[in-house]
N, C-alpha and C. Protein backbone atom coordinates (compact mmCIF):
# COMPACT_ATOMS: atom_id res chain seq x y z
N MET A 1 30.46 -28.67 -21.15
CA MET A 1 29.65 -27.54 -21.53
C MET A 1 28.81 -27.11 -20.32
N HIS A 2 28.74 -25.82 -20.09
CA HIS A 2 28.00 -25.27 -18.96
C HIS A 2 26.60 -24.84 -19.39
N ASP A 3 25.66 -25.03 -18.47
CA ASP A 3 24.32 -24.53 -18.72
C ASP A 3 24.34 -23.01 -18.64
N PRO A 4 23.60 -22.33 -19.49
CA PRO A 4 23.53 -20.87 -19.40
C PRO A 4 22.83 -20.46 -18.11
N PRO A 5 23.09 -19.25 -17.63
CA PRO A 5 22.40 -18.81 -16.42
C PRO A 5 20.91 -18.66 -16.70
N PRO A 6 20.10 -18.79 -15.67
CA PRO A 6 18.65 -18.66 -15.89
C PRO A 6 18.28 -17.25 -16.32
N THR A 7 17.19 -17.15 -17.02
CA THR A 7 16.62 -15.85 -17.40
C THR A 7 15.75 -15.40 -16.24
N LYS A 8 16.14 -14.29 -15.59
CA LYS A 8 15.41 -13.78 -14.43
C LYS A 8 14.25 -12.91 -14.91
N ALA A 9 13.04 -13.24 -14.43
CA ALA A 9 11.85 -12.52 -14.87
C ALA A 9 11.07 -11.93 -13.70
N THR A 10 10.68 -10.68 -13.87
CA THR A 10 9.72 -10.04 -12.97
C THR A 10 8.39 -10.06 -13.70
N VAL A 11 7.33 -10.42 -12.97
CA VAL A 11 6.02 -10.57 -13.59
C VAL A 11 5.04 -9.56 -12.98
N LEU A 12 4.38 -8.81 -13.85
CA LEU A 12 3.35 -7.86 -13.44
C LEU A 12 1.99 -8.53 -13.63
N ILE A 13 1.16 -8.47 -12.59
CA ILE A 13 -0.17 -9.07 -12.67
C ILE A 13 -1.21 -8.08 -12.15
N SER A 14 -2.47 -8.38 -12.44
CA SER A 14 -3.52 -7.51 -11.92
C SER A 14 -4.69 -8.29 -11.32
N GLY A 15 -4.65 -9.59 -11.40
CA GLY A 15 -5.83 -10.31 -10.94
C GLY A 15 -5.61 -11.75 -10.56
N GLU A 16 -6.37 -12.63 -11.18
CA GLU A 16 -6.44 -14.03 -10.80
C GLU A 16 -5.08 -14.74 -10.83
N GLY A 17 -4.29 -14.43 -11.83
CA GLY A 17 -2.96 -15.04 -11.91
C GLY A 17 -2.91 -16.35 -12.67
N SER A 18 -3.89 -16.60 -13.53
CA SER A 18 -3.85 -17.85 -14.29
C SER A 18 -2.68 -17.86 -15.28
N ASN A 19 -2.37 -16.73 -15.88
CA ASN A 19 -1.20 -16.68 -16.76
C ASN A 19 0.09 -16.83 -15.94
N LEU A 20 0.11 -16.24 -14.76
CA LEU A 20 1.25 -16.41 -13.87
C LEU A 20 1.42 -17.88 -13.52
N GLN A 21 0.31 -18.56 -13.20
CA GLN A 21 0.40 -19.98 -12.85
C GLN A 21 0.98 -20.79 -14.00
N ALA A 22 0.60 -20.44 -15.22
CA ALA A 22 1.17 -21.13 -16.38
C ALA A 22 2.68 -20.92 -16.44
N LEU A 23 3.14 -19.71 -16.13
CA LEU A 23 4.58 -19.44 -16.10
C LEU A 23 5.27 -20.21 -14.98
N ILE A 24 4.64 -20.25 -13.82
CA ILE A 24 5.19 -21.01 -12.68
C ILE A 24 5.34 -22.47 -13.07
N ASP A 25 4.29 -23.03 -13.63
CA ASP A 25 4.31 -24.44 -14.03
C ASP A 25 5.36 -24.69 -15.11
N ALA A 26 5.42 -23.82 -16.09
CA ALA A 26 6.37 -24.00 -17.19
C ALA A 26 7.82 -23.86 -16.71
N SER A 27 8.04 -23.00 -15.71
CA SER A 27 9.42 -22.80 -15.24
C SER A 27 9.98 -24.04 -14.57
N SER A 28 9.12 -24.97 -14.19
CA SER A 28 9.62 -26.22 -13.60
C SER A 28 9.52 -27.39 -14.57
N SER A 29 9.14 -27.10 -15.83
CA SER A 29 9.06 -28.18 -16.81
C SER A 29 9.62 -27.74 -18.15
N THR A 30 8.80 -27.14 -19.00
CA THR A 30 9.21 -26.82 -20.37
C THR A 30 10.12 -25.60 -20.48
N LEU A 31 10.13 -24.73 -19.47
CA LEU A 31 11.00 -23.54 -19.49
C LEU A 31 11.90 -23.52 -18.24
N PRO A 32 12.72 -24.55 -18.07
CA PRO A 32 13.52 -24.64 -16.84
C PRO A 32 14.55 -23.52 -16.69
N TYR A 33 14.83 -22.80 -17.76
CA TYR A 33 15.79 -21.70 -17.72
C TYR A 33 15.15 -20.40 -17.22
N LEU A 34 13.82 -20.40 -17.01
CA LEU A 34 13.11 -19.21 -16.57
C LEU A 34 13.02 -19.21 -15.05
N LYS A 35 13.53 -18.15 -14.42
CA LYS A 35 13.46 -18.00 -12.97
C LYS A 35 12.62 -16.77 -12.65
N LEU A 36 11.46 -17.01 -12.04
CA LEU A 36 10.57 -15.91 -11.66
C LEU A 36 11.10 -15.33 -10.35
N ILE A 37 11.53 -14.08 -10.39
CA ILE A 37 12.20 -13.49 -9.22
C ILE A 37 11.31 -12.55 -8.41
N ARG A 38 10.21 -12.08 -8.97
CA ARG A 38 9.28 -11.23 -8.24
C ARG A 38 7.98 -11.12 -9.02
N VAL A 39 6.87 -11.04 -8.28
CA VAL A 39 5.56 -10.78 -8.85
C VAL A 39 5.06 -9.48 -8.23
N ILE A 40 4.63 -8.56 -9.07
CA ILE A 40 4.14 -7.26 -8.62
C ILE A 40 2.70 -7.11 -9.08
N SER A 41 1.85 -6.66 -8.14
CA SER A 41 0.45 -6.41 -8.48
C SER A 41 0.03 -5.05 -7.95
N ASN A 42 -0.87 -4.42 -8.66
CA ASN A 42 -1.44 -3.16 -8.21
C ASN A 42 -2.73 -3.40 -7.41
N ARG A 43 -3.10 -4.65 -7.25
CA ARG A 43 -4.30 -5.01 -6.48
C ARG A 43 -3.90 -5.90 -5.32
N ALA A 44 -4.16 -5.43 -4.09
CA ALA A 44 -3.77 -6.17 -2.89
C ALA A 44 -4.44 -7.55 -2.84
N GLY A 45 -5.66 -7.64 -3.34
CA GLY A 45 -6.40 -8.90 -3.27
C GLY A 45 -6.21 -9.80 -4.47
N ALA A 46 -5.26 -9.49 -5.32
CA ALA A 46 -5.05 -10.31 -6.52
C ALA A 46 -4.64 -11.73 -6.12
N ASN A 47 -5.40 -12.71 -6.58
CA ASN A 47 -5.09 -14.10 -6.26
C ASN A 47 -3.71 -14.51 -6.78
N GLY A 48 -3.26 -13.83 -7.81
CA GLY A 48 -1.93 -14.14 -8.33
C GLY A 48 -0.84 -13.94 -7.28
N LEU A 49 -1.03 -13.02 -6.36
CA LEU A 49 -0.05 -12.84 -5.27
C LEU A 49 0.00 -14.09 -4.40
N ASN A 50 -1.16 -14.70 -4.16
CA ASN A 50 -1.19 -15.95 -3.39
C ASN A 50 -0.50 -17.07 -4.16
N ARG A 51 -0.73 -17.13 -5.47
CA ARG A 51 -0.08 -18.15 -6.29
C ARG A 51 1.45 -18.00 -6.22
N ALA A 52 1.91 -16.75 -6.29
CA ALA A 52 3.35 -16.50 -6.22
C ALA A 52 3.91 -16.91 -4.86
N LYS A 53 3.22 -16.52 -3.81
CA LYS A 53 3.68 -16.87 -2.45
C LYS A 53 3.74 -18.38 -2.28
N SER A 54 2.75 -19.10 -2.82
CA SER A 54 2.73 -20.56 -2.74
C SER A 54 3.92 -21.18 -3.46
N ALA A 55 4.42 -20.48 -4.47
CA ALA A 55 5.58 -20.96 -5.24
C ALA A 55 6.89 -20.36 -4.71
N SER A 56 6.83 -19.70 -3.55
CA SER A 56 8.00 -19.08 -2.92
C SER A 56 8.65 -17.99 -3.78
N ILE A 57 7.81 -17.27 -4.48
CA ILE A 57 8.28 -16.14 -5.30
C ILE A 57 7.96 -14.86 -4.53
N PRO A 58 8.94 -13.98 -4.32
CA PRO A 58 8.66 -12.72 -3.61
C PRO A 58 7.60 -11.90 -4.33
N THR A 59 6.79 -11.21 -3.54
CA THR A 59 5.71 -10.39 -4.10
C THR A 59 5.80 -8.95 -3.61
N THR A 60 5.24 -8.06 -4.41
CA THR A 60 5.15 -6.65 -4.04
C THR A 60 3.79 -6.13 -4.47
N TYR A 61 3.15 -5.38 -3.57
CA TYR A 61 1.91 -4.70 -3.87
C TYR A 61 2.26 -3.24 -4.09
N HIS A 62 1.91 -2.70 -5.26
CA HIS A 62 2.24 -1.31 -5.61
C HIS A 62 1.00 -0.68 -6.24
N ASN A 63 0.41 0.29 -5.52
CA ASN A 63 -0.87 0.85 -5.96
C ASN A 63 -0.82 2.37 -5.92
N LEU A 64 -1.41 2.98 -6.91
CA LEU A 64 -1.42 4.43 -7.08
C LEU A 64 -2.11 5.15 -5.92
N VAL A 65 -3.28 4.69 -5.52
CA VAL A 65 -4.03 5.36 -4.46
C VAL A 65 -3.56 4.88 -3.08
N ALA A 66 -3.48 3.56 -2.89
CA ALA A 66 -3.05 3.03 -1.59
C ALA A 66 -1.63 3.48 -1.24
N GLY A 67 -0.83 3.70 -2.27
CA GLY A 67 0.53 4.18 -2.07
C GLY A 67 0.60 5.67 -1.80
N LYS A 68 -0.57 6.29 -1.75
CA LYS A 68 -0.71 7.72 -1.43
C LYS A 68 -0.04 8.63 -2.46
N TYR A 69 -0.05 8.18 -3.71
CA TYR A 69 0.46 9.03 -4.78
C TYR A 69 -0.54 10.15 -5.07
N HIS A 70 -1.83 9.82 -4.98
CA HIS A 70 -2.89 10.82 -5.00
C HIS A 70 -4.11 10.24 -4.33
N ALA A 71 -5.03 11.09 -3.95
CA ALA A 71 -6.24 10.66 -3.24
C ALA A 71 -7.23 10.03 -4.21
N LEU A 72 -8.03 9.13 -3.68
CA LEU A 72 -9.10 8.52 -4.45
C LEU A 72 -10.05 9.62 -4.92
N GLY A 73 -10.37 9.62 -6.19
CA GLY A 73 -11.27 10.62 -6.74
C GLY A 73 -10.61 11.95 -7.08
N GLU A 74 -9.30 11.98 -7.05
CA GLU A 74 -8.58 13.22 -7.39
C GLU A 74 -9.04 13.72 -8.75
N LYS A 75 -9.35 15.00 -8.83
CA LYS A 75 -9.85 15.59 -10.08
C LYS A 75 -8.81 16.42 -10.80
N ASP A 76 -7.87 16.97 -10.07
CA ASP A 76 -6.86 17.87 -10.65
C ASP A 76 -5.93 17.07 -11.57
N LEU A 77 -5.99 17.35 -12.85
CA LEU A 77 -5.20 16.60 -13.83
C LEU A 77 -3.70 16.79 -13.63
N VAL A 78 -3.29 17.95 -13.18
CA VAL A 78 -1.86 18.20 -12.93
C VAL A 78 -1.38 17.33 -11.77
N VAL A 79 -2.18 17.26 -10.72
CA VAL A 79 -1.84 16.42 -9.56
C VAL A 79 -1.80 14.96 -9.99
N LYS A 80 -2.80 14.52 -10.77
CA LYS A 80 -2.85 13.13 -11.22
C LYS A 80 -1.66 12.78 -12.11
N GLN A 81 -1.27 13.68 -12.99
CA GLN A 81 -0.13 13.43 -13.88
C GLN A 81 1.16 13.32 -13.08
N ALA A 82 1.35 14.24 -12.14
CA ALA A 82 2.57 14.21 -11.31
C ALA A 82 2.60 12.93 -10.47
N ALA A 83 1.44 12.54 -9.93
CA ALA A 83 1.35 11.33 -9.13
C ALA A 83 1.69 10.10 -9.98
N ARG A 84 1.15 10.08 -11.19
CA ARG A 84 1.41 8.94 -12.08
C ARG A 84 2.88 8.83 -12.44
N GLU A 85 3.51 9.96 -12.68
CA GLU A 85 4.94 9.95 -13.01
C GLU A 85 5.77 9.43 -11.84
N LYS A 86 5.43 9.84 -10.63
CA LYS A 86 6.14 9.36 -9.44
C LYS A 86 5.89 7.87 -9.24
N TYR A 87 4.63 7.46 -9.37
CA TYR A 87 4.26 6.05 -9.25
C TYR A 87 5.05 5.19 -10.24
N ASP A 88 5.07 5.62 -11.50
CA ASP A 88 5.79 4.88 -12.54
C ASP A 88 7.29 4.82 -12.24
N ALA A 89 7.86 5.92 -11.77
CA ALA A 89 9.29 5.94 -11.44
C ALA A 89 9.57 4.99 -10.27
N ASP A 90 8.70 4.99 -9.27
CA ASP A 90 8.88 4.07 -8.14
C ASP A 90 8.72 2.62 -8.57
N LEU A 91 7.77 2.35 -9.46
CA LEU A 91 7.61 0.99 -9.99
C LEU A 91 8.88 0.57 -10.72
N ALA A 92 9.42 1.45 -11.52
CA ALA A 92 10.67 1.14 -12.23
C ALA A 92 11.79 0.83 -11.25
N ASP A 93 11.88 1.60 -10.16
CA ASP A 93 12.90 1.34 -9.14
C ASP A 93 12.72 -0.03 -8.50
N ILE A 94 11.46 -0.40 -8.21
CA ILE A 94 11.17 -1.72 -7.62
C ILE A 94 11.62 -2.82 -8.57
N VAL A 95 11.25 -2.68 -9.83
CA VAL A 95 11.59 -3.69 -10.84
C VAL A 95 13.11 -3.78 -11.02
N LEU A 96 13.75 -2.65 -11.22
CA LEU A 96 15.18 -2.65 -11.52
C LEU A 96 16.04 -3.08 -10.35
N ALA A 97 15.56 -2.94 -9.13
CA ALA A 97 16.33 -3.37 -7.95
C ALA A 97 16.65 -4.86 -8.00
N ASP A 98 15.78 -5.65 -8.62
CA ASP A 98 16.00 -7.10 -8.73
C ASP A 98 16.86 -7.48 -9.93
N GLU A 99 17.15 -6.53 -10.79
CA GLU A 99 17.96 -6.76 -11.99
C GLU A 99 17.42 -7.91 -12.85
N PRO A 100 16.13 -7.83 -13.25
CA PRO A 100 15.59 -8.88 -14.10
C PRO A 100 16.15 -8.78 -15.52
N ASP A 101 16.12 -9.91 -16.19
CA ASP A 101 16.49 -9.94 -17.61
C ASP A 101 15.29 -9.59 -18.48
N ILE A 102 14.09 -9.85 -17.96
CA ILE A 102 12.87 -9.63 -18.71
C ILE A 102 11.75 -9.26 -17.74
N ILE A 103 10.80 -8.46 -18.24
CA ILE A 103 9.61 -8.11 -17.47
C ILE A 103 8.42 -8.64 -18.26
N ILE A 104 7.57 -9.40 -17.58
CA ILE A 104 6.43 -10.02 -18.24
C ILE A 104 5.15 -9.44 -17.66
N CYS A 105 4.29 -8.95 -18.53
CA CYS A 105 2.97 -8.48 -18.12
C CYS A 105 2.02 -9.65 -18.35
N ALA A 106 1.67 -10.36 -17.29
CA ALA A 106 0.94 -11.62 -17.41
C ALA A 106 -0.54 -11.45 -17.10
N GLY A 107 -1.21 -10.68 -17.90
CA GLY A 107 -2.64 -10.53 -17.70
C GLY A 107 -3.20 -9.55 -18.72
N ASN A 108 -4.46 -9.72 -19.04
CA ASN A 108 -5.04 -8.85 -20.05
C ASN A 108 -5.36 -7.46 -19.53
N LYS A 109 -5.36 -7.25 -18.21
CA LYS A 109 -5.61 -5.93 -17.65
C LYS A 109 -4.34 -5.21 -17.22
N CYS A 110 -3.22 -5.87 -17.28
CA CYS A 110 -1.97 -5.26 -16.82
C CYS A 110 -1.67 -3.92 -17.47
N PRO A 111 -1.73 -3.79 -18.78
CA PRO A 111 -1.34 -2.51 -19.38
C PRO A 111 -2.15 -1.32 -18.85
N GLN A 112 -3.43 -1.50 -18.57
CA GLN A 112 -4.21 -0.37 -18.09
C GLN A 112 -3.92 -0.04 -16.64
N TYR A 113 -3.42 -0.99 -15.86
CA TYR A 113 -3.12 -0.73 -14.47
C TYR A 113 -1.68 -0.31 -14.23
N PHE A 114 -0.79 -0.82 -15.04
CA PHE A 114 0.61 -0.48 -14.86
C PHE A 114 0.98 0.46 -15.93
């Protein structure tokens, strides 16, 4: 009997990365079938990126303003909406390029940032 292939997961984080660390730890013990293939954060200083790097997991920083989708303090709602749509499409391209089986939002602030 063959072992099933691992479940490839991309993880979205926004901060400290304590939930990410739990996933990293579990993937080497109770969830050995889980393979974390990329960690993406919208915050360059997110400690979770350091946790991922320490575990040899590729990381990506993807940010609405730093990525020049729109300027900080942009007021024009049309510009902001168009920027957000482009940002979201680019995020989808980043995620899909790795062909994950699952996407995990590992943080309580992830939904508002991603």
